[in-house]
Amino acid sequence: MNEFEINSEKKIKDLEAQLKKLPKEKWKIWRLIVVGIITPFVGPYIPLRKGMLVDRMGYRDSVLLFFLILLIAIPVACYMHFQKINDQIFDIECELENLKQQKK
């Protein structure tokens, strides 16, 4: 075996290991969902330049404001995360195919 074949086999093994690991990354999104559930209730107490939001708007209105913001932000963040992982999977699969074609 020459050096190219040894390096390509190592790279193929590394890429296959990454490919097996990436779908598990999709389920790490639960952290974002937990933060999205907790933030509307804790967020109004975060200090801002002009005082806390709860002092300026009231607790109920500030919770609703945070809830509406996160109602839009969480699905967008989930979509972006899933899209990033799918792009990485696609790139790894393409690179694996290229390496296998070069070996033949």
PDB file of N, CA and C in Angstrom:
ATOM      1  N   MET A   1       0.837  -1.184   0.000  1.00  0.00           N
ATOM      2  CA  MET A   1       0.000   0.000   0.000  1.00  0.00           C
ATOM      3  C   MET A   1       0.883   1.249   0.000  1.00  0.00           C
ATOM      4  N   ASN A   2       0.481   2.178  -0.796  1.00  0.00           N
ATOM      5  CA  ASN A   2       1.236   3.415  -0.796  1.00  0.00           C
ATOM      6  C   ASN A   2       0.641   4.394   0.217  1.00  0.00           C
ATOM      7  N   GLU A   3       1.302   5.514   0.350  1.00  0.00           N
ATOM      8  CA  GLU A   3       0.917   6.493   1.368  1.00  0.00           C
ATOM      9  C   GLU A   3      -0.463   7.091   1.093  1.00  0.00           C
ATOM     10  N   PHE A   4      -0.806   7.274  -0.177  1.00  0.00           N
ATOM     11  CA  PHE A   4      -2.106   7.830  -0.537  1.00  0.00           C
ATOM     12  C   PHE A   4      -3.245   6.931  -0.077  1.00  0.00           C
ATOM     13  N   GLU A   5      -3.108   5.635  -0.276  1.00  0.00           N
ATOM     14  CA  GLU A   5      -4.155   4.699   0.125  1.00  0.00           C
ATOM     15  C   GLU A   5      -4.310   4.653   1.638  1.00  0.00           C
ATOM     16  N   ILE A   6      -3.195   4.704   2.360  1.00  0.00           N
ATOM     17  CA  ILE A   6      -3.250   4.685   3.825  1.00  0.00           C
ATOM     18  C   ILE A   6      -3.943   5.939   4.339  1.00  0.00           C
ATOM     19  N   ASN A   7      -3.558   7.098   3.791  1.00  0.00           N
ATOM     20  CA  ASN A   7      -4.170   8.356   4.224  1.00  0.00           C
ATOM     21  C   ASN A   7      -5.648   8.418   3.857  1.00  0.00           C
ATOM     22  N   SER A   8      -5.981   7.918   2.679  1.00  0.00           N
ATOM     23  CA  SER A   8      -7.383   7.966   2.272  1.00  0.00           C
ATOM     24  C   SER A   8      -8.242   7.037   3.132  1.00  0.00           C
ATOM     25  N   GLU A   9      -7.702   5.878   3.517  1.00  0.00           N
ATOM     26  CA  GLU A   9      -8.466   4.982   4.389  1.00  0.00           C
ATOM     27  C   GLU A   9      -8.662   5.588   5.775  1.00  0.00           C
ATOM     28  N   LYS A  10      -7.632   6.259   6.285  1.00  0.00           N
ATOM     29  CA  LYS A  10      -7.780   6.938   7.575  1.00  0.00           C
ATOM     30  C   LYS A  10      -8.837   8.023   7.484  1.00  0.00           C
ATOM     31  N   LYS A  11      -8.792   8.775   6.393  1.00  0.00           N
ATOM     32  CA  LYS A  11      -9.754   9.854   6.223  1.00  0.00           C
ATOM     33  C   LYS A  11     -11.174   9.303   6.063  1.00  0.00           C
ATOM     34  N   ILE A  12     -11.318   8.193   5.348  1.00  0.00           N
ATOM     35  CA  ILE A  12     -12.632   7.569   5.193  1.00  0.00           C
ATOM     36  C   ILE A  12     -13.177   7.122   6.543  1.00  0.00           C
ATOM     37  N   LYS A  13     -12.329   6.523   7.377  1.00  0.00           N
ATOM     38  CA  LYS A  13     -12.770   6.088   8.704  1.00  0.00           C
ATOM     39  C   LYS A  13     -13.173   7.283   9.560  1.00  0.00           C
ATOM     40  N   ASP A  14     -12.396   8.365   9.489  1.00  0.00           N
ATOM     41  CA  ASP A  14     -12.738   9.563  10.254  1.00  0.00           C
ATOM     42  C   ASP A  14     -14.064  10.158   9.788  1.00  0.00           C
ATOM     43  N   LEU A  15     -14.256  10.217   8.486  1.00  0.00           N
ATOM     44  CA  LEU A  15     -15.491  10.785   7.950  1.00  0.00           C
ATOM     45  C   LEU A  15     -16.700   9.924   8.294  1.00  0.00           C
ATOM     46  N   GLU A  16     -16.537   8.610   8.261  1.00  0.00           N
ATOM     47  CA  GLU A  16     -17.643   7.730   8.636  1.00  0.00           C
ATOM     48  C   GLU A  16     -17.986   7.879  10.113  1.00  0.00           C
ATOM     49  N   ALA A  17     -16.972   8.085  10.958  1.00  0.00           N
ATOM     50  CA  ALA A  17     -17.228   8.302  12.380  1.00  0.00           C
ATOM     51  C   ALA A  17     -17.991   9.613  12.587  1.00  0.00           C
ATOM     52  N   GLN A  18     -17.598  10.652  11.856  1.00  0.00           N
ATOM     53  CA  GLN A  18     -18.310  11.927  11.948  1.00  0.00           C
ATOM     54  C   GLN A  18     -19.739  11.778  11.455  1.00  0.00           C
ATOM     55  N   LEU A  19     -19.918  11.012  10.400  1.00  0.00           N
ATOM     56  CA  LEU A  19     -21.247  10.808   9.826  1.00  0.00           C
ATOM     57  C   LEU A  19     -22.172  10.085  10.800  1.00  0.00           C
ATOM     58  N   LYS A  20     -21.621   9.166  11.577  1.00  0.00           N
ATOM     59  CA  LYS A  20     -22.431   8.460  12.576  1.00  0.00           C
ATOM     60  C   LYS A  20     -22.785   9.370  13.750  1.00  0.00           C
ATOM     61  N   LYS A  21     -21.900  10.320  14.052  1.00  0.00           N
ATOM     62  CA  LYS A  21     -22.096  11.196  15.200  1.00  0.00           C
ATOM     63  C   LYS A  21     -23.084  12.334  14.922  1.00  0.00           C
ATOM     64  N   LEU A  22     -23.152  12.815  13.696  1.00  0.00           N
ATOM     65  CA  LEU A  22     -23.951  14.004  13.380  1.00  0.00           C
ATOM     66  C   LEU A  22     -25.451  13.858  13.625  1.00  0.00           C
ATOM     67  N   PRO A  23     -26.117  12.760  13.275  1.00  0.00           N
ATOM     68  CA  PRO A  23     -27.559  12.702  13.566  1.00  0.00           C
ATOM     69  C   PRO A  23     -27.888  12.817  15.052  1.00  0.00           C
ATOM     70  N   LYS A  24     -26.964  12.433  15.907  1.00  0.00           N
ATOM     71  CA  LYS A  24     -27.188  12.576  17.343  1.00  0.00           C
ATOM     72  C   LYS A  24     -27.165  14.039  17.757  1.00  0.00           C
ATOM     73  N   GLU A  25     -26.496  14.885  16.977  1.00  0.00           N
ATOM     74  CA  GLU A  25     -26.436  16.312  17.272  1.00  0.00           C
ATOM     75  C   GLU A  25     -27.803  16.974  17.114  1.00  0.00           C
ATOM     76  N   LYS A  26     -28.659  16.389  16.305  1.00  0.00           N
ATOM     77  CA  LYS A  26     -29.976  16.988  16.084  1.00  0.00           C
ATOM     78  C   LYS A  26     -30.793  17.022  17.364  1.00  0.00           C
ATOM     79  N   TRP A  27     -30.585  16.078  18.237  1.00  0.00           N
ATOM     80  CA  TRP A  27     -31.399  16.001  19.441  1.00  0.00           C
ATOM     81  C   TRP A  27     -30.856  16.847  20.578  1.00  0.00           C
ATOM     82  N   LYS A  28     -29.785  17.587  20.348  1.00  0.00           N
ATOM     83  CA  LYS A  28     -29.284  18.507  21.357  1.00  0.00           C
ATOM     84  C   LYS A  28     -30.083  19.814  21.353  1.00  0.00           C
ATOM     85  N   ILE A  29     -31.100  19.872  20.529  1.00  0.00           N
ATOM     86  CA  ILE A  29     -31.939  21.056  20.419  1.00  0.00           C
ATOM     87  C   ILE A  29     -32.826  21.233  21.649  1.00  0.00           C
ATOM     88  N   TRP A  30     -32.924  20.212  22.471  1.00  0.00           N
ATOM     89  CA  TRP A  30     -33.765  20.288  23.660  1.00  0.00           C
ATOM     90  C   TRP A  30     -33.342  21.417  24.575  1.00  0.00           C
ATOM     91  N   ARG A  31     -32.049  21.758  24.579  1.00  0.00           N
ATOM     92  CA  ARG A  31     -31.575  22.869  25.416  1.00  0.00           C
ATOM     93  C   ARG A  31     -32.232  24.177  25.001  1.00  0.00           C
ATOM     94  N   LEU A  32     -32.330  24.372  23.703  1.00  0.00           N
ATOM     95  CA  LEU A  32     -32.956  25.591  23.187  1.00  0.00           C
ATOM     96  C   LEU A  32     -34.434  25.649  23.590  1.00  0.00           C
ATOM     97  N   ILE A  33     -35.092  24.526  23.550  1.00  0.00           N
ATOM     98  CA  ILE A  33     -36.502  24.485  23.916  1.00  0.00           C
ATOM     99  C   ILE A  33     -36.684  24.765  25.413  1.00  0.00           C
ATOM    100  N   VAL A  34     -35.823  24.214  26.252  1.00  0.00           N
ATOM    101  CA  VAL A  34     -35.901  24.464  27.693  1.00  0.00           C
ATOM    102  C   VAL A  34     -35.662  25.941  27.988  1.00  0.00           C
ATOM    103  N   VAL A  35     -34.666  26.519  27.337  1.00  0.00           N
ATOM    104  CA  VAL A  35     -34.395  27.949  27.527  1.00  0.00           C
ATOM    105  C   VAL A  35     -35.593  28.770  27.058  1.00  0.00           C
ATOM    106  N   GLY A  36     -36.226  28.342  25.971  1.00  0.00           N
ATOM    107  CA  GLY A  36     -37.397  29.043  25.468  1.00  0.00           C
ATOM    108  C   GLY A  36     -38.589  28.981  26.405  1.00  0.00           C
ATOM    109  N   ILE A  37     -38.669  27.936  27.199  1.00  0.00           N
ATOM    110  CA  ILE A  37     -39.767  27.822  28.161  1.00  0.00           C
ATOM    111  C   ILE A  37     -39.487  28.653  29.407  1.00  0.00           C
ATOM    112  N   ILE A  38     -38.238  28.700  29.837  1.00  0.00           N
ATOM    113  CA  ILE A  38     -37.881  29.401  31.077  1.00  0.00           C
ATOM    114  C   ILE A  38     -37.736  30.913  30.869  1.00  0.00           C
ATOM    115  N   THR A  39     -37.208  31.334  29.738  1.00  0.00           N
ATOM    116  CA  THR A  39     -36.877  32.741  29.508  1.00  0.00           C
ATOM    117  C   THR A  39     -38.052  33.705  29.645  1.00  0.00           C
ATOM    118  N   PRO A  40     -39.248  33.413  29.150  1.00  0.00           N
ATOM    119  CA  PRO A  40     -40.319  34.405  29.316  1.00  0.00           C
ATOM    120  C   PRO A  40     -40.635  34.738  30.772  1.00  0.00           C
ATOM    121  N   PHE A  41     -40.390  33.812  31.685  1.00  0.00           N
ATOM    122  CA  PHE A  41     -40.699  34.067  33.081  1.00  0.00           C
ATOM    123  C   PHE A  41     -39.545  34.728  33.829  1.00  0.00           C
ATOM    124  N   VAL A  42     -38.312  34.500  33.370  1.00  0.00           N
ATOM    125  CA  VAL A  42     -37.138  35.081  34.022  1.00  0.00           C
ATOM    126  C   VAL A  42     -36.677  36.342  33.293  1.00  0.00           C
ATOM    127  N   GLY A  43     -36.904  36.399  31.995  1.00  0.00           N
ATOM    128  CA  GLY A  43     -36.433  37.499  31.161  1.00  0.00           C
ATOM    129  C   GLY A  43     -36.842  38.893  31.599  1.00  0.00           C
ATOM    130  N   PRO A  44     -38.073  39.103  32.075  1.00  0.00           N
ATOM    131  CA  PRO A  44     -38.456  40.457  32.480  1.00  0.00           C
ATOM    132  C   PRO A  44     -37.622  41.024  33.628  1.00  0.00           C
ATOM    133  N   TYR A  45     -36.935  40.165  34.358  1.00  0.00           N
ATOM    134  CA  TYR A  45     -36.122  40.631  35.481  1.00  0.00           C
ATOM    135  C   TYR A  45     -34.677  40.917  35.091  1.00  0.00           C
ATOM    136  N   ILE A  46     -34.326  40.750  33.826  1.00  0.00           N
ATOM    137  CA  ILE A  46     -32.970  41.051  33.369  1.00  0.00           C
ATOM    138  C   ILE A  46     -32.794  42.567  33.365  1.00  0.00           C
ATOM    139  N   PRO A  47     -31.737  43.070  34.005  1.00  0.00           N
ATOM    140  CA  PRO A  47     -31.557  44.525  34.059  1.00  0.00           C
ATOM    141  C   PRO A  47     -31.178  45.098  32.684  1.00  0.00           C
ATOM    142  N   LEU A  48     -31.821  46.199  32.335  1.00  0.00           N
ATOM    143  CA  LEU A  48     -31.536  46.912  31.097  1.00  0.00           C
ATOM    144  C   LEU A  48     -31.007  48.298  31.454  1.00  0.00           C
ATOM    145  N   ARG A  49     -30.735  49.131  30.445  1.00  0.00           N
ATOM    146  CA  ARG A  49     -30.214  50.476  30.706  1.00  0.00           C
ATOM    147  C   ARG A  49     -31.191  51.337  31.495  1.00  0.00           C
ATOM    148  N   LYS A  50     -32.456  51.234  31.183  1.00  0.00           N
ATOM    149  CA  LYS A  50     -33.452  52.082  31.841  1.00  0.00           C
ATOM    150  C   LYS A  50     -34.205  51.338  32.939  1.00  0.00           C
ATOM    151  N   GLY A  51     -33.639  50.305  33.472  1.00  0.00           N
ATOM    152  CA  GLY A  51     -34.296  49.526  34.519  1.00  0.00           C
ATOM    153  C   GLY A  51     -34.831  48.216  33.971  1.00  0.00           C
ATOM    154  N   MET A  52     -35.363  47.436  34.865  1.00  0.00           N
ATOM    155  CA  MET A  52     -35.887  46.134  34.443  1.00  0.00           C
ATOM    156  C   MET A  52     -37.171  46.324  33.640  1.00  0.00           C
ATOM    157  N   LEU A  53     -37.395  45.402  32.728  1.00  0.00           N
ATOM    158  CA  LEU A  53     -38.575  45.458  31.869  1.00  0.00           C
ATOM    159  C   LEU A  53     -39.857  45.279  32.680  1.00  0.00           C
ATOM    160  N   VAL A  54     -39.782  44.506  33.736  1.00  0.00           N
ATOM    161  CA  VAL A  54     -40.956  44.268  34.574  1.00  0.00           C
ATOM    162  C   VAL A  54     -41.396  45.560  35.263  1.00  0.00           C
ATOM    163  N   ASP A  55     -40.472  46.445  35.573  1.00  0.00           N
ATOM    164  CA  ASP A  55     -40.823  47.724  36.197  1.00  0.00           C
ATOM    165  C   ASP A  55     -41.469  48.670  35.195  1.00  0.00           C
ATOM    166  N   ARG A  56     -41.039  48.604  33.951  1.00  0.00           N
ATOM    167  CA  ARG A  56     -41.549  49.529  32.940  1.00  0.00           C
ATOM    168  C   ARG A  56     -42.860  49.066  32.329  1.00  0.00           C
ATOM    169  N   MET A  57     -43.049  47.756  32.129  1.00  0.00           N
ATOM    170  CA  MET A  57     -44.233  47.256  31.420  1.00  0.00           C
ATOM    171  C   MET A  57     -45.203  46.494  32.312  1.00  0.00           C
ATOM    172  N   GLY A  58     -44.736  46.011  33.398  1.00  0.00           N
ATOM    173  CA  GLY A  58     -45.553  45.108  34.198  1.00  0.00           C
ATOM    174  C   GLY A  58     -45.176  43.674  33.864  1.00  0.00           C
ATOM    175  N   TYR A  59     -45.401  42.787  34.812  1.00  0.00           N
ATOM    176  CA  TYR A  59     -44.946  41.408  34.642  1.00  0.00           C
ATOM    177  C   TYR A  59     -45.696  40.702  33.525  1.00  0.00           C
ATOM    178  N   ARG A  60     -47.005  40.828  33.488  1.00  0.00           N
ATOM    179  CA  ARG A  60     -47.809  40.103  32.501  1.00  0.00           C
ATOM    180  C   ARG A  60     -47.447  40.534  31.072  1.00  0.00           C
ATOM    181  N   ASP A  61     -47.338  41.830  30.851  1.00  0.00           N
ATOM    182  CA  ASP A  61     -47.019  42.316  29.500  1.00  0.00           C
ATOM    183  C   ASP A  61     -45.602  41.936  29.075  1.00  0.00           C
ATOM    184  N   SER A  62     -44.671  41.991  30.015  1.00  0.00           N
ATOM    185  CA  SER A  62     -43.289  41.644  29.653  1.00  0.00           C
ATOM    186  C   SER A  62     -43.152  40.144  29.387  1.00  0.00           C
ATOM    187  N   VAL A  63     -43.879  39.314  30.118  1.00  0.00           N
ATOM    188  CA  VAL A  63     -43.867  37.860  29.853  1.00  0.00           C
ATOM    189  C   VAL A  63     -44.451  37.591  28.476  1.00  0.00           C
ATOM    190  N   LEU A  64     -45.549  38.248  28.133  1.00  0.00           N
ATOM    191  CA  LEU A  64     -46.148  38.075  26.808  1.00  0.00           C
ATOM    192  C   LEU A  64     -45.209  38.549  25.704  1.00  0.00           C
ATOM    193  N   LEU A  65     -44.503  39.644  25.937  1.00  0.00           N
ATOM    194  CA  LEU A  65     -43.544  40.143  24.953  1.00  0.00           C
ATOM    195  C   LEU A  65     -42.426  39.124  24.716  1.00  0.00           C
ATOM    196  N   PHE A  66     -41.844  38.614  25.804  1.00  0.00           N
ATOM    197  CA  PHE A  66     -40.798  37.599  25.676  1.00  0.00           C
ATOM    198  C   PHE A  66     -41.334  36.337  25.017  1.00  0.00           C
ATOM    199  N   PHE A  67     -42.550  35.946  25.357  1.00  0.00           N
ATOM    200  CA  PHE A  67     -43.146  34.751  24.769  1.00  0.00           C
ATOM    201  C   PHE A  67     -43.320  34.914  23.262  1.00  0.00           C
ATOM    202  N   LEU A  68     -43.792  36.071  22.828  1.00  0.00           N
ATOM    203  CA  LEU A  68     -43.974  36.311  21.394  1.00  0.00           C
ATOM    204  C   LEU A  68     -42.637  36.323  20.648  1.00  0.00           C
ATOM    205  N   ILE A  69     -41.641  36.934  21.256  1.00  0.00           N
ATOM    206  CA  ILE A  69     -40.314  36.959  20.619  1.00  0.00           C
ATOM    207  C   ILE A  69     -39.771  35.548  20.492  1.00  0.00           C
ATOM    208  N   LEU A  70     -39.862  34.766  21.545  1.00  0.00           N
ATOM    209  CA  LEU A  70     -39.329  33.405  21.514  1.00  0.00           C
ATOM    210  C   LEU A  70     -40.194  32.464  20.686  1.00  0.00           C
ATOM    211  N   LEU A  71     -41.472  32.780  20.532  1.00  0.00           N
ATOM    212  CA  LEU A  71     -42.342  31.981  19.682  1.00  0.00           C
ATOM    213  C   LEU A  71     -41.883  32.034  18.228  1.00  0.00           C
ATOM    214  N   ILE A  72     -41.270  33.135  17.858  1.00  0.00           N
ATOM    215  CA  ILE A  72     -40.717  33.280  16.512  1.00  0.00           C
ATOM    216  C   ILE A  72     -39.270  32.785  16.460  1.00  0.00           C
ATOM    217  N   ALA A  73     -38.493  33.091  17.484  1.00  0.00           N
ATOM    218  CA  ALA A  73     -37.054  32.804  17.460  1.00  0.00           C
ATOM    219  C   ALA A  73     -36.732  31.314  17.580  1.00  0.00           C
ATOM    220  N   ILE A  74     -37.458  30.567  18.387  1.00  0.00           N
ATOM    221  CA  ILE A  74     -37.131  29.156  18.608  1.00  0.00           C
ATOM    222  C   ILE A  74     -37.319  28.314  17.345  1.00  0.00           C
ATOM    223  N   PRO A  75     -38.449  28.409  16.633  1.00  0.00           N
ATOM    224  CA  PRO A  75     -38.551  27.615  15.394  1.00  0.00           C
ATOM    225  C   PRO A  75     -37.495  27.995  14.348  1.00  0.00           C
ATOM    226  N   VAL A  76     -37.169  29.284  14.266  1.00  0.00           N
ATOM    227  CA  VAL A  76     -36.132  29.704  13.322  1.00  0.00           C
ATOM    228  C   VAL A  76     -34.783  29.114  13.712  1.00  0.00           C
ATOM    229  N   ALA A  77     -34.466  29.139  15.004  1.00  0.00           N
ATOM    230  CA  ALA A  77     -33.191  28.582  15.476  1.00  0.00           C
ATOM    231  C   ALA A  77     -33.149  27.068  15.264  1.00  0.00           C
ATOM    232  N   CYS A  78     -34.257  26.389  15.510  1.00  0.00           N
ATOM    233  CA  CYS A  78     -34.314  24.933  15.282  1.00  0.00           C
ATOM    234  C   CYS A  78     -34.091  24.620  13.807  1.00  0.00           C
ATOM    235  N   TYR A  79     -34.754  25.359  12.934  1.00  0.00           N
ATOM    236  CA  TYR A  79     -34.587  25.141  11.497  1.00  0.00           C
ATOM    237  C   TYR A  79     -33.149  25.368  11.074  1.00  0.00           C
ATOM    238  N   MET A  80     -32.541  26.445  11.563  1.00  0.00           N
ATOM    239  CA  MET A  80     -31.152  26.731  11.202  1.00  0.00           C
ATOM    240  C   MET A  80     -30.214  25.636  11.699  1.00  0.00           C
ATOM    241  N   HIS A  81     -30.462  25.132  12.900  1.00  0.00           N
ATOM    242  CA  HIS A  81     -29.621  24.066  13.461  1.00  0.00           C
ATOM    243  C   HIS A  81     -29.747  22.784  12.638  1.00  0.00           C
ATOM    244  N   PHE A  82     -30.978  22.396  12.315  1.00  0.00           N
ATOM    245  CA  PHE A  82     -31.184  21.194  11.507  1.00  0.00           C
ATOM    246  C   PHE A  82     -30.591  21.351  10.119  1.00  0.00           C
ATOM    247  N   GLN A  83     -30.715  22.537   9.542  1.00  0.00           N
ATOM    248  CA  GLN A  83     -30.167  22.784   8.212  1.00  0.00           C
ATOM    249  C   GLN A  83     -28.642  22.697   8.230  1.00  0.00           C
ATOM    250  N   LYS A  84     -28.017  23.223   9.279  1.00  0.00           N
ATOM    251  CA  LYS A  84     -26.555  23.159   9.401  1.00  0.00           C
ATOM    252  C   LYS A  84     -26.081  21.712   9.479  1.00  0.00           C
ATOM    253  N   ILE A  85     -26.770  20.901  10.270  1.00  0.00           N
ATOM    254  CA  ILE A  85     -26.381  19.500  10.411  1.00  0.00           C
ATOM    255  C   ILE A  85     -26.606  18.745   9.107  1.00  0.00           C
ATOM    256  N   ASN A  86     -27.726  18.999   8.434  1.00  0.00           N
ATOM    257  CA  ASN A  86     -27.973  18.341   7.148  1.00  0.00           C
ATOM    258  C   ASN A  86     -26.931  18.735   6.108  1.00  0.00           C
ATOM    259  N   ASP A  87     -26.503  19.994   6.121  1.00  0.00           N
ATOM    260  CA  ASP A  87     -25.447  20.428   5.200  1.00  0.00           C
ATOM    261  C   ASP A  87     -24.126  19.718   5.501  1.00  0.00           C
ATOM    262  N   GLN A  88     -23.809  19.564   6.790  1.00  0.00           N
ATOM    263  CA  GLN A  88     -22.583  18.861   7.160  1.00  0.00           C
ATOM    264  C   GLN A  88     -22.651  17.395   6.735  1.00  0.00           C
ATOM    265  N   ILE A  89     -23.794  16.767   6.908  1.00  0.00           N
ATOM    266  CA  ILE A  89     -23.956  15.374   6.483  1.00  0.00           C
ATOM    267  C   ILE A  89     -23.766  15.262   4.980  1.00  0.00           C
ATOM    268  N   PHE A  90     -24.360  16.168   4.227  1.00  0.00           N
ATOM    269  CA  PHE A  90     -24.227  16.155   2.775  1.00  0.00           C
ATOM    270  C   PHE A  90     -22.772  16.351   2.350  1.00  0.00           C
ATOM    271  N   ASP A  91     -22.065  17.289   2.989  1.00  0.00           N
ATOM    272  CA  ASP A  91     -20.655  17.524   2.658  1.00  0.00           C
ATOM    273  C   ASP A  91     -19.800  16.292   2.945  1.00  0.00           C
ATOM    274  N   ILE A  92     -20.044  15.639   4.066  1.00  0.00           N
ATOM    275  CA  ILE A  92     -19.267  14.450   4.417  1.00  0.00           C
ATOM    276  C   ILE A  92     -19.548  13.316   3.435  1.00  0.00           C
ATOM    277  N   GLU A  93     -20.823  13.142   3.074  1.00  0.00           N
ATOM    278  CA  GLU A  93     -21.155  12.090   2.113  1.00  0.00           C
ATOM    279  C   GLU A  93     -20.510  12.357   0.755  1.00  0.00           C
ATOM    280  N   CYS A  94     -20.485  13.594   0.325  1.00  0.00           N
ATOM    281  CA  CYS A  94     -19.831  13.940  -0.952  1.00  0.00           C
ATOM    282  C   CYS A  94     -18.335  13.666  -0.891  1.00  0.00           C
ATOM    283  N   GLU A  95     -17.727  14.042   0.215  1.00  0.00           N
ATOM    284  CA  GLU A  95     -16.292  13.814   0.366  1.00  0.00           C
ATOM    285  C   GLU A  95     -15.973  12.318   0.407  1.00  0.00           C
ATOM    286  N   LEU A  96     -16.831  11.535   1.065  1.00  0.00           N
ATOM    287  CA  LEU A  96     -16.644  10.085   1.089  1.00  0.00           C
ATOM    288  C   LEU A  96     -16.739   9.498  -0.319  1.00  0.00           C
ATOM    289  N   GLU A  97     -17.727   9.936  -1.075  1.00  0.00           N
ATOM    290  CA  GLU A  97     -17.861   9.445  -2.459  1.00  0.00           C
ATOM    291  C   GLU A  97     -16.648   9.824  -3.291  1.00  0.00           C
ATOM    292  N   ASN A  98     -16.145  11.039  -3.119  1.00  0.00           N
ATOM    293  CA  ASN A  98     -14.954  11.453  -3.871  1.00  0.00           C
ATOM    294  C   ASN A  98     -13.748  10.597  -3.519  1.00  0.00           C
ATOM    295  N   LEU A  99     -13.567  10.319  -2.239  1.00  0.00           N
ATOM    296  CA  LEU A  99     -12.438   9.490  -1.819  1.00  0.00           C
ATOM    297  C   LEU A  99     -12.570   8.065  -2.358  1.00  0.00           C
ATOM    298  N   LYS A 100     -13.790   7.528  -2.336  1.00  0.00           N
ATOM    299  CA  LYS A 100     -13.985   6.169  -2.850  1.00  0.00           C
ATOM    300  C   LYS A 100     -13.760   6.115  -4.353  1.00  0.00           C
ATOM    301  N   GLN A 101     -14.141   7.176  -5.066  1.00  0.00           N
ATOM    302  CA  GLN A 101     -13.902   7.230  -6.506  1.00  0.00           C
ATOM    303  C   GLN A 101     -12.403   7.322  -6.817  1.00  0.00           C
ATOM    304  N   GLN A 102     -11.676   8.054  -5.995  1.00  0.00           N
ATOM    305  CA  GLN A 102     -10.228   8.191  -6.219  1.00  0.00           C
ATOM    306  C   GLN A 102      -9.485   6.892  -5.948  1.00  0.00           C
ATOM    307  N   LYS A 103     -10.009   6.092  -5.003  1.00  0.00           N
ATOM    308  CA  LYS A 103      -9.352   4.828  -4.687  1.00  0.00           C
ATOM    309  C   LYS A 103      -9.456   3.832  -5.832  1.00  0.00           C
ATOM    310  N   LYS A 104     -10.552   3.891  -6.600  1.00  0.00           N
ATOM    311  CA  LYS A 104     -10.771   2.923  -7.690  1.00  0.00           C
ATOM    312  C   LYS A 104      -9.895   3.189  -8.817  1.00  0.00           C
TER     313      LYS A 104
END
